[in-house]
């Protein structure tokens, strides 16, 4: 079947708008009267929400950001009429993930000042490759528990994704492998400042209650 270009364009725009929902910003303003971008790391993501407002705000923001990444990829391709698991269908899905993550990074509803895209990326990966997503969550949890560095856990999870796709699940689709590599690089790019702080020993840790634990 030929690709439904009109529906595809509509879906891409919708995915970007869904990704652009600034969950951390809106939740902080609605329930706490605080713009999290003015506190902590000044990042509009779940980690800074944990840091500034604690787990009662951080947990729902995290779950909603994951849902943002999951729903467009899970729902929109199934309504396209494309052959499931066909090449066009796979391209469509991975494009929607990347566009949704870009929406989170550069949200039109929040002055293009978004988060780092980890939770939204996880949602997309859960829709595309749930087995690999679980391995990524495990890698994140292990590194975070040992170090209490959210950034290091996030980057470890990002690197785990393409490795798991190739080495564990023996994926041969160039689309899926390429997508895993691109998504990994996007997460590493958004954490470039964290890499510098980790190298200098200046990165802040986070305790399980969500409070900033300071530098080592």
Protein backbone atom coordinates (compact mmCIF):
# COMPACT_ATOMS: atom_id res chain seq x y z
CA UNK A 1 0.00 0.00 0.00
CA UNK A 2 1.25 3.50 -0.82
CA UNK A 3 2.07 5.64 2.17
CA UNK A 4 -0.92 7.83 3.22
CA UNK A 5 0.94 11.13 3.05
CA UNK A 6 -1.88 13.37 4.27
CA UNK A 7 -2.51 11.18 7.28
CA UNK A 8 1.23 10.89 7.82
CA UNK A 9 1.71 14.66 7.86
CA UNK A 10 -1.23 15.06 10.25
CA UNK A 11 0.22 12.39 12.54
CA UNK A 12 3.66 13.98 12.59
CA UNK A 13 2.22 17.36 13.56
CA UNK A 14 0.00 15.75 16.20
CA UNK A 15 2.94 13.79 17.62
CA UNK A 16 5.00 16.97 17.90
CA UNK A 17 2.14 18.76 19.67
CA UNK A 18 1.69 15.87 22.09
CA UNK A 19 5.41 15.85 22.77
CA UNK A 20 5.24 19.62 23.30
CA UNK A 21 2.90 19.28 26.27
CA UNK A 22 5.17 20.67 29.04
CA UNK A 23 4.06 18.28 31.75
CA UNK A 24 6.56 19.46 34.36
CA UNK A 25 5.80 23.12 33.75
CA UNK A 26 2.03 22.78 33.75
CA UNK A 27 1.95 20.41 36.74
CA UNK A 28 4.22 22.65 38.78
CA UNK A 29 2.19 25.74 38.00
CA UNK A 30 -1.22 24.10 38.47
CA UNK A 31 -0.59 22.28 41.75
CA UNK A 32 2.34 24.12 43.33
CA UNK A 33 2.39 27.60 41.80
CA UNK A 34 5.98 27.00 40.67
CA UNK A 35 7.66 26.98 37.28
CA UNK A 36 10.30 24.26 37.71
CA UNK A 37 12.40 25.98 35.04
CA UNK A 38 13.14 28.72 37.57
CA UNK A 39 14.51 26.32 40.19
CA UNK A 40 16.97 23.46 40.56
CA UNK A 41 18.63 22.60 37.28
CA UNK A 42 16.08 24.84 35.46
CA UNK A 43 15.14 21.90 33.29
CA UNK A 44 11.51 21.14 32.39
CA UNK A 45 11.70 17.42 33.01
CA UNK A 46 10.79 14.78 35.55
CA UNK A 47 14.19 14.77 37.28
CA UNK A 48 14.08 18.46 38.06
CA UNK A 49 10.48 18.07 39.18
CA UNK A 50 11.63 15.42 41.66
CA UNK A 51 14.43 17.75 42.74
CA UNK A 52 12.25 20.83 43.19
CA UNK A 53 8.84 19.44 44.18
CA UNK A 54 9.56 15.90 45.38
CA UNK A 55 8.09 12.54 44.34
CA UNK A 56 4.43 13.58 44.72
CA UNK A 57 4.94 15.78 41.67
CA UNK A 58 7.85 13.91 40.10
CA UNK A 59 6.11 10.54 39.77
CA UNK A 60 3.04 11.78 37.84
CA UNK A 61 5.20 14.01 35.64
CA UNK A 62 7.44 11.04 34.87
CA UNK A 63 4.50 8.78 34.02
CA UNK A 64 2.83 11.41 31.86
CA UNK A 65 6.07 12.07 29.96
CA UNK A 66 6.41 8.34 29.29
CA UNK A 67 2.80 8.26 28.13
CA UNK A 68 3.49 11.17 25.76
CA UNK A 69 6.09 9.07 24.01
CA UNK A 70 4.07 5.87 24.04
CA UNK A 71 0.62 6.86 22.83
CA UNK A 72 1.35 8.50 19.44
CA UNK A 73 3.51 5.56 18.36
CA UNK A 74 1.11 2.97 19.71
CA UNK A 75 -2.07 4.46 18.23
CA UNK A 76 -1.41 6.51 15.09
CA UNK A 77 0.32 3.87 12.92
CA UNK A 78 -2.48 1.41 13.60
CA UNK A 79 -4.97 3.84 12.06
CA UNK A 80 -2.85 4.46 8.96
CA UNK A 81 -3.91 1.38 7.00
CA UNK A 82 -0.27 0.42 6.45
CA UNK A 83 0.82 -3.21 6.58
CA UNK A 84 1.88 -4.01 10.13
CA UNK A 85 5.63 -4.65 10.37
CA UNK A 86 6.08 -3.51 6.77
CA UNK A 87 8.95 -1.14 5.99
CA UNK A 88 6.70 1.92 5.63
CA UNK A 89 4.96 1.07 8.92
CA UNK A 90 8.30 0.79 10.73
CA UNK A 91 9.55 4.07 9.25
CA UNK A 92 6.33 5.74 10.32
CA UNK A 93 6.64 4.52 13.89
CA UNK A 94 10.24 5.53 14.45
CA UNK A 95 9.59 8.92 12.85
CA UNK A 96 6.75 9.52 15.28
CA UNK A 97 9.01 8.66 18.23
CA UNK A 98 11.70 11.10 17.11
CA UNK A 99 9.20 13.87 16.40
CA UNK A 100 7.52 13.38 19.79
CA UNK A 101 10.89 13.57 21.55
CA UNK A 102 11.74 16.73 19.59
CA UNK A 103 8.44 18.16 20.80
CA UNK A 104 9.49 17.44 24.38
CA UNK A 105 12.90 19.03 23.82
CA UNK A 106 11.51 22.09 22.04
CA UNK A 107 7.87 22.48 23.13
CA UNK A 108 5.83 25.05 21.26
CA UNK A 109 3.61 25.43 24.34
CA UNK A 110 6.51 26.42 26.64
CA UNK A 111 8.69 28.78 24.65
CA UNK A 112 10.70 25.89 23.18
CA UNK A 113 12.34 25.29 26.58
CA UNK A 114 11.76 21.63 27.33
CA UNK A 115 13.33 18.68 29.09
CA UNK A 116 15.99 16.21 28.02
CA UNK A 117 13.67 13.67 26.49
CA UNK A 118 14.58 10.56 28.48
CA UNK A 119 11.12 9.67 29.79
CA UNK A 120 9.45 10.48 26.47
CA UNK A 121 12.08 8.42 24.65
CA UNK A 122 11.35 5.53 27.00
CA UNK A 123 7.67 5.74 26.12
CA UNK A 124 8.48 5.53 22.42
CA UNK A 125 10.84 2.61 22.93
CA UNK A 126 8.18 0.81 24.99
CA UNK A 127 5.90 1.04 21.97
CA UNK A 128 8.53 0.04 19.40
CA UNK A 129 10.58 -2.54 21.31
CA UNK A 130 9.26 -3.30 24.83
CA UNK A 131 11.88 -5.97 25.54
CA UNK A 132 14.73 -3.56 24.92
CA UNK A 133 12.91 -0.89 26.92
CA UNK A 134 12.86 -3.16 29.97
CA UNK A 135 16.60 -3.74 29.67
CA UNK A 136 17.11 0.03 29.46
CA UNK A 137 15.05 0.54 32.61
CA UNK A 138 17.10 -2.12 34.36
CA UNK A 139 20.37 -0.48 33.29
CA UNK A 140 19.14 2.90 34.50
CA UNK A 141 17.99 1.50 37.85
CA UNK A 142 21.27 -0.29 38.49
CA UNK A 143 23.44 2.73 37.73
CA UNK A 144 21.19 5.14 39.61
CA UNK A 145 21.01 2.95 42.73
CA UNK A 146 24.80 2.60 42.77
CA UNK A 147 25.64 6.22 41.98
CA UNK A 148 22.49 8.31 42.54
CA UNK A 149 23.34 10.15 39.33
CA UNK A 150 20.17 10.38 37.24
CA UNK A 151 22.14 11.69 34.27
CA UNK A 152 24.59 8.79 34.32
CA UNK A 153 21.73 6.31 34.60
CA UNK A 154 19.92 7.98 31.71
CA UNK A 155 22.98 7.90 29.45
CA UNK A 156 23.66 4.28 30.38
CA UNK A 157 20.09 3.40 29.44
CA UNK A 158 20.49 5.25 26.14
CA UNK A 159 23.63 3.32 25.25
CA UNK A 160 22.00 0.08 26.38
CA UNK A 161 19.23 0.48 23.82
CA UNK A 162 21.20 -0.02 20.56
CA UNK A 163 23.40 -2.63 22.22
CA UNK A 164 20.35 -4.60 23.34
CA UNK A 165 18.69 -4.32 19.94
CA UNK A 166 21.76 -5.72 18.18
CA UNK A 167 23.38 -8.06 20.70
CA UNK A 168 20.42 -9.38 22.71
CA UNK A 169 17.53 -9.32 20.26
CA UNK A 170 19.67 -9.76 17.12
CA UNK A 171 17.67 -7.17 15.23
CA UNK A 172 18.53 -7.03 11.53
CA UNK A 173 16.19 -4.26 10.38
CA UNK A 174 18.28 -1.22 9.38
CA UNK A 175 15.33 0.98 10.35
CA UNK A 176 15.15 -0.31 13.91
CA UNK A 177 18.92 -0.41 14.42
CA UNK A 178 19.38 3.05 12.93
CA UNK A 179 16.56 4.40 15.07
CA UNK A 180 18.15 2.96 18.21
CA UNK A 181 21.47 4.63 17.39
CA UNK A 182 19.87 8.00 16.57
CA UNK A 183 17.77 8.01 19.75
CA UNK A 184 20.85 7.11 21.80
CA UNK A 185 22.81 9.99 20.27
CA UNK A 186 19.95 12.40 20.93
CA UNK A 187 19.93 11.53 24.63
CA UNK A 188 23.71 11.84 24.85
CA UNK A 189 23.52 15.22 23.12
CA UNK A 190 20.92 16.56 25.55
CA UNK A 191 23.18 15.45 28.40
CA UNK A 192 26.36 17.06 27.07
CA UNK A 193 26.53 19.53 29.98
CA UNK A 194 25.97 16.69 32.46
CA UNK A 195 28.90 14.84 30.91
CA UNK A 196 31.11 17.84 31.63
CA UNK A 197 29.90 18.09 35.22
CA UNK A 198 30.40 14.36 35.77
CA UNK A 199 33.93 14.63 34.44
CA UNK A 200 34.67 17.56 36.78
CA UNK A 201 32.98 15.89 39.76
CA UNK A 202 30.36 18.65 39.93
CA UNK A 203 27.22 16.73 39.02
CA UNK A 204 24.47 16.69 41.64
CA UNK A 205 23.07 13.45 42.96
CA UNK A 206 19.46 12.72 43.76
CA UNK A 207 18.24 10.73 46.72
CA UNK A 208 15.23 8.44 46.48
CA UNK A 209 12.99 11.05 48.10
CA UNK A 210 13.77 13.36 45.19
CA UNK A 211 15.90 15.87 47.11
CA UNK A 212 19.19 17.15 45.78
CA UNK A 213 22.00 15.27 47.54
CA UNK A 214 24.79 17.53 46.41
CA UNK A 215 28.06 16.78 44.68
CA UNK A 216 30.34 13.94 45.73
